[in-house]
């Protein structure tokens, strides 16, 4: 299943002349030229005016156009490469970095940390909310009384520092109240097993194509709503007891799922 990248913003910069006009430097400030350039390029990336894959002017060309030394341009490009915002292509050319394509294989229940490790990436998590709640809709889903309590987690999951997904998860506290003590520093699946004595045996998952919501567009730093994958997963014990329900939106320009089919 191949997910197409989002369409370019209508305000996207498509020529060197247009870019150079946006990068004009201020010689009346004490801020070094290379730092001014870094800040301007980062702003254009965040606004969507500089799209992933766009080639930037060669160091010599940009230096001449902005009337600065080539060393200034080189330092700017080097700093942006170190931060993962630029990449090198061709014969030393420079381009806005494309988000890495993640190609996990479906068919095995695994957490985000394990999935990123499998892809050779470093997983980190930004915890938005960790709260004990009552929710009649979720209670019905878990087949529990309406006043049952659940741990709700809202997290942004990152791979190599790039936001990959925004997910909301619910956990049934009636199975093990200790679930509420989970720390955001560790794997929830490992915590369930080691601290709560709960082994997940299987899960049911659906995937559908959606457009990012306003919040997701902001999280993924899209310039406008873009295509994403919405995952809904219910995880069970061997006794078919529902432990976890997750709804997660994954950015469509970074995921390419593989499914192995038997004949």
C-alpha atoms as a PDB file:
ATOM      1  CA  UNK A   1       0.000   0.000   0.000  1.00  0.00           C
ATOM      2  CA  UNK A   2       1.696   3.195  -1.161  1.00  0.00           C
ATOM      3  CA  UNK A   3       0.652   6.469   0.436  1.00  0.00           C
ATOM      4  CA  UNK A   4       1.095   9.527  -1.760  1.00  0.00           C
ATOM      5  CA  UNK A   5       2.719  12.604  -0.341  1.00  0.00           C
ATOM      6  CA  UNK A   6       0.605  15.651   0.314  1.00  0.00           C
ATOM      7  CA  UNK A   7       0.189  18.196  -2.479  1.00  0.00           C
ATOM      8  CA  UNK A   8       2.406  21.248  -2.449  1.00  0.00           C
ATOM      9  CA  UNK A   9       1.025  24.366  -0.824  1.00  0.00           C
ATOM     10  CA  UNK A  10      -0.246  27.034  -3.194  1.00  0.00           C
ATOM     11  CA  UNK A  11       2.295  29.385  -1.593  1.00  0.00           C
ATOM     12  CA  UNK A  12       5.231  27.020  -2.137  1.00  0.00           C
ATOM     13  CA  UNK A  13       8.409  28.560  -3.555  1.00  0.00           C
ATOM     14  CA  UNK A  14       9.285  27.024  -6.920  1.00  0.00           C
ATOM     15  CA  UNK A  15      12.211  29.100  -8.245  1.00  0.00           C
ATOM     16  CA  UNK A  16      15.623  30.276  -7.055  1.00  0.00           C
ATOM     17  CA  UNK A  17      14.734  33.917  -7.693  1.00  0.00           C
ATOM     18  CA  UNK A  18      11.634  33.657  -5.508  1.00  0.00           C
ATOM     19  CA  UNK A  19      13.660  32.024  -2.745  1.00  0.00           C
ATOM     20  CA  UNK A  20      16.483  34.566  -2.884  1.00  0.00           C
ATOM     21  CA  UNK A  21      13.974  37.413  -2.555  1.00  0.00           C
ATOM     22  CA  UNK A  22      12.755  35.792   0.677  1.00  0.00           C
ATOM     23  CA  UNK A  23      16.288  35.466   2.040  1.00  0.00           C
ATOM     24  CA  UNK A  24      17.410  39.078   1.793  1.00  0.00           C
ATOM     25  CA  UNK A  25      19.649  39.842   4.760  1.00  0.00           C
ATOM     26  CA  UNK A  26      19.514  42.721   7.220  1.00  0.00           C
ATOM     27  CA  UNK A  27      22.871  44.479   7.544  1.00  0.00           C
ATOM     28  CA  UNK A  28      21.578  46.766  10.289  1.00  0.00           C
ATOM     29  CA  UNK A  29      21.434  44.063  12.946  1.00  0.00           C
ATOM     30  CA  UNK A  30      24.193  42.447  14.995  1.00  0.00           C
ATOM     31  CA  UNK A  31      22.869  38.968  14.198  1.00  0.00           C
ATOM     32  CA  UNK A  32      25.425  37.100  12.049  1.00  0.00           C
ATOM     33  CA  UNK A  33      24.412  36.559   8.427  1.00  0.00           C
ATOM     34  CA  UNK A  34      24.540  32.771   8.661  1.00  0.00           C
ATOM     35  CA  UNK A  35      22.150  32.822  11.641  1.00  0.00           C
ATOM     36  CA  UNK A  36      19.781  35.128   9.779  1.00  0.00           C
ATOM     37  CA  UNK A  37      19.782  32.662   6.892  1.00  0.00           C
ATOM     38  CA  UNK A  38      19.169  29.677   9.165  1.00  0.00           C
ATOM     39  CA  UNK A  39      16.222  31.441  10.786  1.00  0.00           C
ATOM     40  CA  UNK A  40      14.710  32.498   7.453  1.00  0.00           C
ATOM     41  CA  UNK A  41      15.042  29.041   5.896  1.00  0.00           C
ATOM     42  CA  UNK A  42      13.555  27.385   8.997  1.00  0.00           C
ATOM     43  CA  UNK A  43      10.610  29.793   8.874  1.00  0.00           C
ATOM     44  CA  UNK A  44      10.000  29.006   5.190  1.00  0.00           C
ATOM     45  CA  UNK A  45      10.147  25.259   5.875  1.00  0.00           C
ATOM     46  CA  UNK A  46       7.684  25.543   8.749  1.00  0.00           C
ATOM     47  CA  UNK A  47       5.260  27.673   6.712  1.00  0.00           C
ATOM     48  CA  UNK A  48       5.332  25.162   3.852  1.00  0.00           C
ATOM     49  CA  UNK A  49       6.824  27.634   1.378  1.00  0.00           C
ATOM     50  CA  UNK A  50       9.895  25.404   1.128  1.00  0.00           C
ATOM     51  CA  UNK A  51       8.607  21.926   0.342  1.00  0.00           C
ATOM     52  CA  UNK A  52      10.497  18.655   0.994  1.00  0.00           C
ATOM     53  CA  UNK A  53      12.703  17.736  -1.949  1.00  0.00           C
ATOM     54  CA  UNK A  54      13.143  21.309  -3.216  1.00  0.00           C
ATOM     55  CA  UNK A  55      16.731  22.011  -4.314  1.00  0.00           C
ATOM     56  CA  UNK A  56      18.381  25.093  -2.853  1.00  0.00           C
ATOM     57  CA  UNK A  57      20.760  27.356  -4.799  1.00  0.00           C
ATOM     58  CA  UNK A  58      24.405  26.310  -4.889  1.00  0.00           C
ATOM     59  CA  UNK A  59      26.599  27.951  -2.253  1.00  0.00           C
ATOM     60  CA  UNK A  60      28.394  30.097  -4.837  1.00  0.00           C
ATOM     61  CA  UNK A  61      25.166  31.262  -6.494  1.00  0.00           C
ATOM     62  CA  UNK A  62      23.443  32.150  -3.229  1.00  0.00           C
ATOM     63  CA  UNK A  63      26.557  33.901  -1.908  1.00  0.00           C
ATOM     64  CA  UNK A  64      26.752  36.086  -5.018  1.00  0.00           C
ATOM     65  CA  UNK A  65      23.021  36.835  -4.962  1.00  0.00           C
ATOM     66  CA  UNK A  66      23.018  37.852  -1.292  1.00  0.00           C
ATOM     67  CA  UNK A  67      26.433  39.542  -1.499  1.00  0.00           C
ATOM     68  CA  UNK A  68      27.962  37.528   1.310  1.00  0.00           C
ATOM     69  CA  UNK A  69      30.895  35.145   1.481  1.00  0.00           C
ATOM     70  CA  UNK A  70      30.547  31.553   0.374  1.00  0.00           C
ATOM     71  CA  UNK A  71      31.740  30.576   3.867  1.00  0.00           C
ATOM     72  CA  UNK A  72      28.572  32.168   5.284  1.00  0.00           C
ATOM     73  CA  UNK A  73      26.336  30.057   3.035  1.00  0.00           C
ATOM     74  CA  UNK A  74      28.349  26.919   3.726  1.00  0.00           C
ATOM     75  CA  UNK A  75      28.042  27.405   7.485  1.00  0.00           C
ATOM     76  CA  UNK A  76      24.285  27.941   7.187  1.00  0.00           C
ATOM     77  CA  UNK A  77      23.794  24.810   5.057  1.00  0.00           C
ATOM     78  CA  UNK A  78      26.059  22.748   7.333  1.00  0.00           C
ATOM     79  CA  UNK A  79      24.095  23.749  10.445  1.00  0.00           C
ATOM     80  CA  UNK A  80      20.783  22.889   8.777  1.00  0.00           C
ATOM     81  CA  UNK A  81      22.156  19.518   7.646  1.00  0.00           C
ATOM     82  CA  UNK A  82      23.235  18.748  11.218  1.00  0.00           C
ATOM     83  CA  UNK A  83      19.711  19.517  12.462  1.00  0.00           C
ATOM     84  CA  UNK A  84      18.251  17.193   9.822  1.00  0.00           C
ATOM     85  CA  UNK A  85      16.439  19.888   7.831  1.00  0.00           C
ATOM     86  CA  UNK A  86      18.615  19.725   4.711  1.00  0.00           C
ATOM     87  CA  UNK A  87      20.089  16.816   2.797  1.00  0.00           C
ATOM     88  CA  UNK A  88      22.846  16.470   0.214  1.00  0.00           C
ATOM     89  CA  UNK A  89      22.090  15.092  -3.234  1.00  0.00           C
ATOM     90  CA  UNK A  90      23.790  14.770  -6.596  1.00  0.00           C
ATOM     91  CA  UNK A  91      27.194  16.426  -6.839  1.00  0.00           C
ATOM     92  CA  UNK A  92      27.066  18.248  -3.557  1.00  0.00           C
ATOM     93  CA  UNK A  93      23.632  19.763  -4.179  1.00  0.00           C
ATOM     94  CA  UNK A  94      21.455  20.733  -1.236  1.00  0.00           C
ATOM     95  CA  UNK A  95      17.725  20.128  -0.800  1.00  0.00           C
ATOM     96  CA  UNK A  96      15.002  20.351   1.822  1.00  0.00           C
ATOM     97  CA  UNK A  97      15.015  16.983   3.547  1.00  0.00           C
ATOM     98  CA  UNK A  98      12.232  14.529   2.815  1.00  0.00           C
ATOM     99  CA  UNK A  99      10.743  12.813   5.890  1.00  0.00           C
ATOM    100  CA  UNK A 100      12.084   9.278   6.104  1.00  0.00           C
ATOM    101  CA  UNK A 101       9.782   6.610   4.661  1.00  0.00           C
ATOM    102  CA  UNK A 102       8.820   4.114   7.344  1.00  0.00           C
ATOM    103  CA  UNK A 103       8.010   0.651   5.976  1.00  0.00           C
ATOM    104  CA  UNK A 104       6.976  -1.605   8.864  1.00  0.00           C
ATOM    105  CA  UNK A 105       5.383  -4.973   8.146  1.00  0.00           C
ATOM    106  CA  UNK A 106       1.851  -5.555   9.344  1.00  0.00           C
ATOM    107  CA  UNK A 107       0.929  -8.784  11.094  1.00  0.00           C
ATOM    108  CA  UNK A 108       2.639  -8.492  14.497  1.00  0.00           C
ATOM    109  CA  UNK A 109       1.565  -6.502  17.541  1.00  0.00           C
ATOM    110  CA  UNK A 110       4.371  -4.154  18.547  1.00  0.00           C
ATOM    111  CA  UNK A 111       4.734  -0.767  20.140  1.00  0.00           C
ATOM    112  CA  UNK A 112       5.955   2.410  18.482  1.00  0.00           C
ATOM    113  CA  UNK A 113       9.391   2.150  20.135  1.00  0.00           C
ATOM    114  CA  UNK A 114       9.895  -1.357  18.748  1.00  0.00           C
ATOM    115  CA  UNK A 115       8.657  -0.269  15.330  1.00  0.00           C
ATOM    116  CA  UNK A 116      11.115   2.630  15.163  1.00  0.00           C
ATOM    117  CA  UNK A 117      13.962   0.423  16.419  1.00  0.00           C
ATOM    118  CA  UNK A 118      13.145  -2.060  13.660  1.00  0.00           C
ATOM    119  CA  UNK A 119      13.554   0.768  11.146  1.00  0.00           C
ATOM    120  CA  UNK A 120      16.855   1.915  12.670  1.00  0.00           C
ATOM    121  CA  UNK A 121      15.352   5.114  14.065  1.00  0.00           C
ATOM    122  CA  UNK A 122      15.320   6.645  17.541  1.00  0.00           C
ATOM    123  CA  UNK A 123      11.847   6.873  19.061  1.00  0.00           C
ATOM    124  CA  UNK A 124      10.819   9.655  21.429  1.00  0.00           C
ATOM    125  CA  UNK A 125       7.459  10.670  22.825  1.00  0.00           C
ATOM    126  CA  UNK A 126       5.901  14.027  23.602  1.00  0.00           C
ATOM    127  CA  UNK A 127       3.235  13.485  26.261  1.00  0.00           C
ATOM    128  CA  UNK A 128       0.281  15.841  25.756  1.00  0.00           C
ATOM    129  CA  UNK A 129      -2.086  14.388  28.333  1.00  0.00           C
ATOM    130  CA  UNK A 130      -2.117  11.643  30.972  1.00  0.00           C
ATOM    131  CA  UNK A 131      -5.422  11.600  32.781  1.00  0.00           C
ATOM    132  CA  UNK A 132      -7.837   9.253  34.544  1.00  0.00           C
ATOM    133  CA  UNK A 133     -11.264   9.691  32.954  1.00  0.00           C
ATOM    134  CA  UNK A 134     -14.780   8.299  32.745  1.00  0.00           C
ATOM    135  CA  UNK A 135     -16.222   8.090  29.240  1.00  0.00           C
ATOM    136  CA  UNK A 136     -19.495   6.347  28.410  1.00  0.00           C
ATOM    137  CA  UNK A 137     -18.498   5.691  24.793  1.00  0.00           C
ATOM    138  CA  UNK A 138     -15.211   4.082  25.822  1.00  0.00           C
ATOM    139  CA  UNK A 139     -16.932   2.176  28.638  1.00  0.00           C
ATOM    140  CA  UNK A 140     -19.328   0.661  26.096  1.00  0.00           C
ATOM    141  CA  UNK A 141     -16.395  -0.268  23.885  1.00  0.00           C
ATOM    142  CA  UNK A 142     -14.739  -2.092  26.796  1.00  0.00           C
ATOM    143  CA  UNK A 143     -18.106  -3.523  27.906  1.00  0.00           C
ATOM    144  CA  UNK A 144     -17.729  -1.901  31.313  1.00  0.00           C
ATOM    145  CA  UNK A 145     -20.148   0.066  33.561  1.00  0.00           C
ATOM    146  CA  UNK A 146     -20.658   3.704  32.563  1.00  0.00           C
ATOM    147  CA  UNK A 147     -18.754   5.017  35.591  1.00  0.00           C
ATOM    148  CA  UNK A 148     -15.664   2.864  34.937  1.00  0.00           C
ATOM    149  CA  UNK A 149     -12.320   4.635  35.022  1.00  0.00           C
ATOM    150  CA  UNK A 150      -9.745   4.588  32.250  1.00  0.00           C
ATOM    151  CA  UNK A 151      -6.260   5.964  31.803  1.00  0.00           C
ATOM    152  CA  UNK A 152      -6.259   8.232  28.757  1.00  0.00           C
ATOM    153  CA  UNK A 153      -2.972   9.108  27.083  1.00  0.00           C
ATOM    154  CA  UNK A 154      -2.551  11.661  24.311  1.00  0.00           C
ATOM    155  CA  UNK A 155       0.902  11.456  22.774  1.00  0.00           C
ATOM    156  CA  UNK A 156       2.891  12.678  19.802  1.00  0.00           C
ATOM    157  CA  UNK A 157       5.312   9.980  18.669  1.00  0.00           C
ATOM    158  CA  UNK A 158       8.555  11.026  16.962  1.00  0.00           C
ATOM    159  CA  UNK A 159      11.120   9.141  14.904  1.00  0.00           C
ATOM    160  CA  UNK A 160      14.569  10.768  14.798  1.00  0.00           C
ATOM    161  CA  UNK A 161      12.917  13.950  16.066  1.00  0.00           C
ATOM    162  CA  UNK A 162      10.270  14.082  13.316  1.00  0.00           C
ATOM    163  CA  UNK A 163       6.596  13.919  14.427  1.00  0.00           C
ATOM    164  CA  UNK A 164       5.249  10.644  12.991  1.00  0.00           C
ATOM    165  CA  UNK A 165       1.904  10.236  14.716  1.00  0.00           C
ATOM    166  CA  UNK A 166      -0.536  11.704  17.182  1.00  0.00           C
ATOM    167  CA  UNK A 167      -2.431   9.116  19.163  1.00  0.00           C
ATOM    168  CA  UNK A 168      -5.006   8.826  21.913  1.00  0.00           C
ATOM    169  CA  UNK A 169      -5.056   5.609  23.947  1.00  0.00           C
ATOM    170  CA  UNK A 170      -7.370   4.295  26.665  1.00  0.00           C
ATOM    171  CA  UNK A 171      -6.495   1.575  29.216  1.00  0.00           C
ATOM    172  CA  UNK A 172      -8.951  -0.263  31.459  1.00  0.00           C
ATOM    173  CA  UNK A 173      -8.013   0.486  35.080  1.00  0.00           C
ATOM    174  CA  UNK A 174     -10.411  -2.147  36.425  1.00  0.00           C
ATOM    175  CA  UNK A 175      -7.979  -4.800  35.176  1.00  0.00           C
ATOM    176  CA  UNK A 176      -5.056  -3.326  37.101  1.00  0.00           C
ATOM    177  CA  UNK A 177      -5.228   0.056  38.896  1.00  0.00           C
ATOM    178  CA  UNK A 178      -1.413   0.139  38.746  1.00  0.00           C
ATOM    179  CA  UNK A 179      -1.699   1.065  35.051  1.00  0.00           C
ATOM    180  CA  UNK A 180      -2.326   4.623  36.271  1.00  0.00           C
ATOM    181  CA  UNK A 181       1.270   4.704  37.590  1.00  0.00           C
ATOM    182  CA  UNK A 182       2.801   4.300  34.134  1.00  0.00           C
ATOM    183  CA  UNK A 183       5.673   6.687  33.421  1.00  0.00           C
ATOM    184  CA  UNK A 184       5.965   8.349  30.034  1.00  0.00           C
ATOM    185  CA  UNK A 185       9.659   7.378  29.937  1.00  0.00           C
ATOM    186  CA  UNK A 186       8.981   3.717  29.212  1.00  0.00           C
ATOM    187  CA  UNK A 187       7.084   1.345  26.953  1.00  0.00           C
ATOM    188  CA  UNK A 188       3.463   0.817  27.962  1.00  0.00           C
ATOM    189  CA  UNK A 189       3.510  -2.775  26.682  1.00  0.00           C
ATOM    190  CA  UNK A 190       6.569  -3.569  28.806  1.00  0.00           C
ATOM    191  CA  UNK A 191       4.930  -1.887  31.818  1.00  0.00           C
ATOM    192  CA  UNK A 192       1.731  -3.901  31.368  1.00  0.00           C
ATOM    193  CA  UNK A 193       3.719  -7.115  31.306  1.00  0.00           C
ATOM    194  CA  UNK A 194       6.297  -6.466  34.032  1.00  0.00           C
ATOM    195  CA  UNK A 195       4.370  -4.304  36.494  1.00  0.00           C
ATOM    196  CA  UNK A 196       0.754  -5.333  35.942  1.00  0.00           C
ATOM    197  CA  UNK A 197       1.095  -8.973  34.928  1.00  0.00           C
ATOM    198  CA  UNK A 198      -0.900  -8.374  31.759  1.00  0.00           C
ATOM    199  CA  UNK A 199       0.252 -10.072  28.561  1.00  0.00           C
ATOM    200  CA  UNK A 200      -1.244  -8.854  25.310  1.00  0.00           C
ATOM    201  CA  UNK A 201      -1.859 -11.775  22.967  1.00  0.00           C
ATOM    202  CA  UNK A 202      -3.536 -10.314  19.896  1.00  0.00           C
ATOM    203  CA  UNK A 203      -5.033  -7.155  18.440  1.00  0.00           C
ATOM    204  CA  UNK A 204      -7.551  -6.075  15.853  1.00  0.00           C
ATOM    205  CA  UNK A 205      -6.631  -3.048  13.783  1.00  0.00           C
ATOM    206  CA  UNK A 206      -8.310  -1.025  11.064  1.00  0.00           C
ATOM    207  CA  UNK A 207      -6.635   1.507   8.765  1.00  0.00           C
ATOM    208  CA  UNK A 208      -8.318   4.244   6.769  1.00  0.00           C
ATOM    209  CA  UNK A 209      -7.165   7.234   4.760  1.00  0.00           C
ATOM    210  CA  UNK A 210      -8.093  10.622   6.232  1.00  0.00           C
ATOM    211  CA  UNK A 211      -7.083  14.259   5.976  1.00  0.00           C
ATOM    212  CA  UNK A 212      -5.289  15.731   8.970  1.00  0.00           C
ATOM    213  CA  UNK A 213      -7.340  17.711  11.467  1.00  0.00           C
ATOM    214  CA  UNK A 214      -6.358  21.232  12.467  1.00  0.00           C
ATOM    215  CA  UNK A 215      -4.451  19.899  15.496  1.00  0.00           C
ATOM    216  CA  UNK A 216      -2.719  17.172  13.469  1.00  0.00           C
ATOM    217  CA  UNK A 217      -1.773  19.645  10.740  1.00  0.00           C
ATOM    218  CA  UNK A 218      -0.078  21.733  13.418  1.00  0.00           C
ATOM    219  CA  UNK A 219       1.662  18.726  15.005  1.00  0.00           C
ATOM    220  CA  UNK A 220       3.016  17.482  11.656  1.00  0.00           C
ATOM    221  CA  UNK A 221       3.993  21.047  10.643  1.00  0.00           C
ATOM    222  CA  UNK A 222       1.993  20.801   7.421  1.00  0.00           C
ATOM    223  CA  UNK A 223       1.211  24.076   5.662  1.00  0.00           C
ATOM    224  CA  UNK A 224      -2.354  22.809   5.103  1.00  0.00           C
ATOM    225  CA  UNK A 225      -4.427  19.710   5.803  1.00  0.00           C
ATOM    226  CA  UNK A 226      -2.727  16.682   4.233  1.00  0.00           C
ATOM    227  CA  UNK A 227      -3.327  12.931   3.762  1.00  0.00           C
ATOM    228  CA  UNK A 228      -2.814  10.714   6.798  1.00  0.00           C
ATOM    229  CA  UNK A 229      -3.545   7.176   7.963  1.00  0.00           C
ATOM    230  CA  UNK A 230      -6.008   6.684  10.822  1.00  0.00           C
ATOM    231  CA  UNK A 231      -5.338   3.544  12.857  1.00  0.00           C
ATOM    232  CA  UNK A 232      -7.870   2.120  15.302  1.00  0.00           C
ATOM    233  CA  UNK A 233      -6.499  -0.753  17.372  1.00  0.00           C
ATOM    234  CA  UNK A 234      -8.030  -2.917  20.098  1.00  0.00           C
ATOM    235  CA  UNK A 235      -5.540  -5.075  22.032  1.00  0.00           C
ATOM    236  CA  UNK A 236      -6.586  -8.188  23.980  1.00  0.00           C
ATOM    237  CA  UNK A 237      -5.247 -10.815  26.367  1.00  0.00           C
ATOM    238  CA  UNK A 238      -5.295 -14.523  25.516  1.00  0.00           C
ATOM    239  CA  UNK A 239      -8.642 -14.669  27.357  1.00  0.00           C
ATOM    240  CA  UNK A 240     -10.039 -12.074  24.891  1.00  0.00           C
ATOM    241  CA  UNK A 241     -10.162  -9.321  27.508  1.00  0.00           C
ATOM    242  CA  UNK A 242      -9.839  -5.855  25.980  1.00  0.00           C
ATOM    243  CA  UNK A 243      -6.955  -3.981  27.627  1.00  0.00           C
ATOM    244  CA  UNK A 244      -6.137  -1.127  25.260  1.00  0.00           C
ATOM    245  CA  UNK A 245      -7.958   0.914  22.630  1.00  0.00           C
ATOM    246  CA  UNK A 246      -5.943   3.321  20.482  1.00  0.00           C
ATOM    247  CA  UNK A 247      -6.809   5.826  17.777  1.00  0.00           C
ATOM    248  CA  UNK A 248      -3.695   7.166  16.071  1.00  0.00           C
ATOM    249  CA  UNK A 249      -3.181   9.409  13.069  1.00  0.00           C
ATOM    250  CA  UNK A 250       0.051   8.801  11.154  1.00  0.00           C
ATOM    251  CA  UNK A 251       1.453  11.257   8.636  1.00  0.00           C
ATOM    252  CA  UNK A 252       0.900   9.986   5.115  1.00  0.00           C
ATOM    253  CA  UNK A 253       4.183  11.282   3.689  1.00  0.00           C
ATOM    254  CA  UNK A 254       6.276   9.057   5.951  1.00  0.00           C
ATOM    255  CA  UNK A 255       4.522   5.685   6.047  1.00  0.00           C
ATOM    256  CA  UNK A 256       4.536   2.875   3.506  1.00  0.00           C
ATOM    257  CA  UNK A 257       3.022  -0.261   5.025  1.00  0.00           C
ATOM    258  CA  UNK A 258       3.820  -3.745   3.784  1.00  0.00           C
ATOM    259  CA  UNK A 259       1.369  -6.634   4.014  1.00  0.00           C
ATOM    260  CA  UNK A 260       2.413 -10.224   3.360  1.00  0.00           C
ATOM    261  CA  UNK A 261      -0.335 -12.221   1.656  1.00  0.00           C
ATOM    262  CA  UNK A 262      -0.499 -15.993   1.342  1.00  0.00           C
ATOM    263  CA  UNK A 263      -1.927 -17.784  -1.696  1.00  0.00           C
END
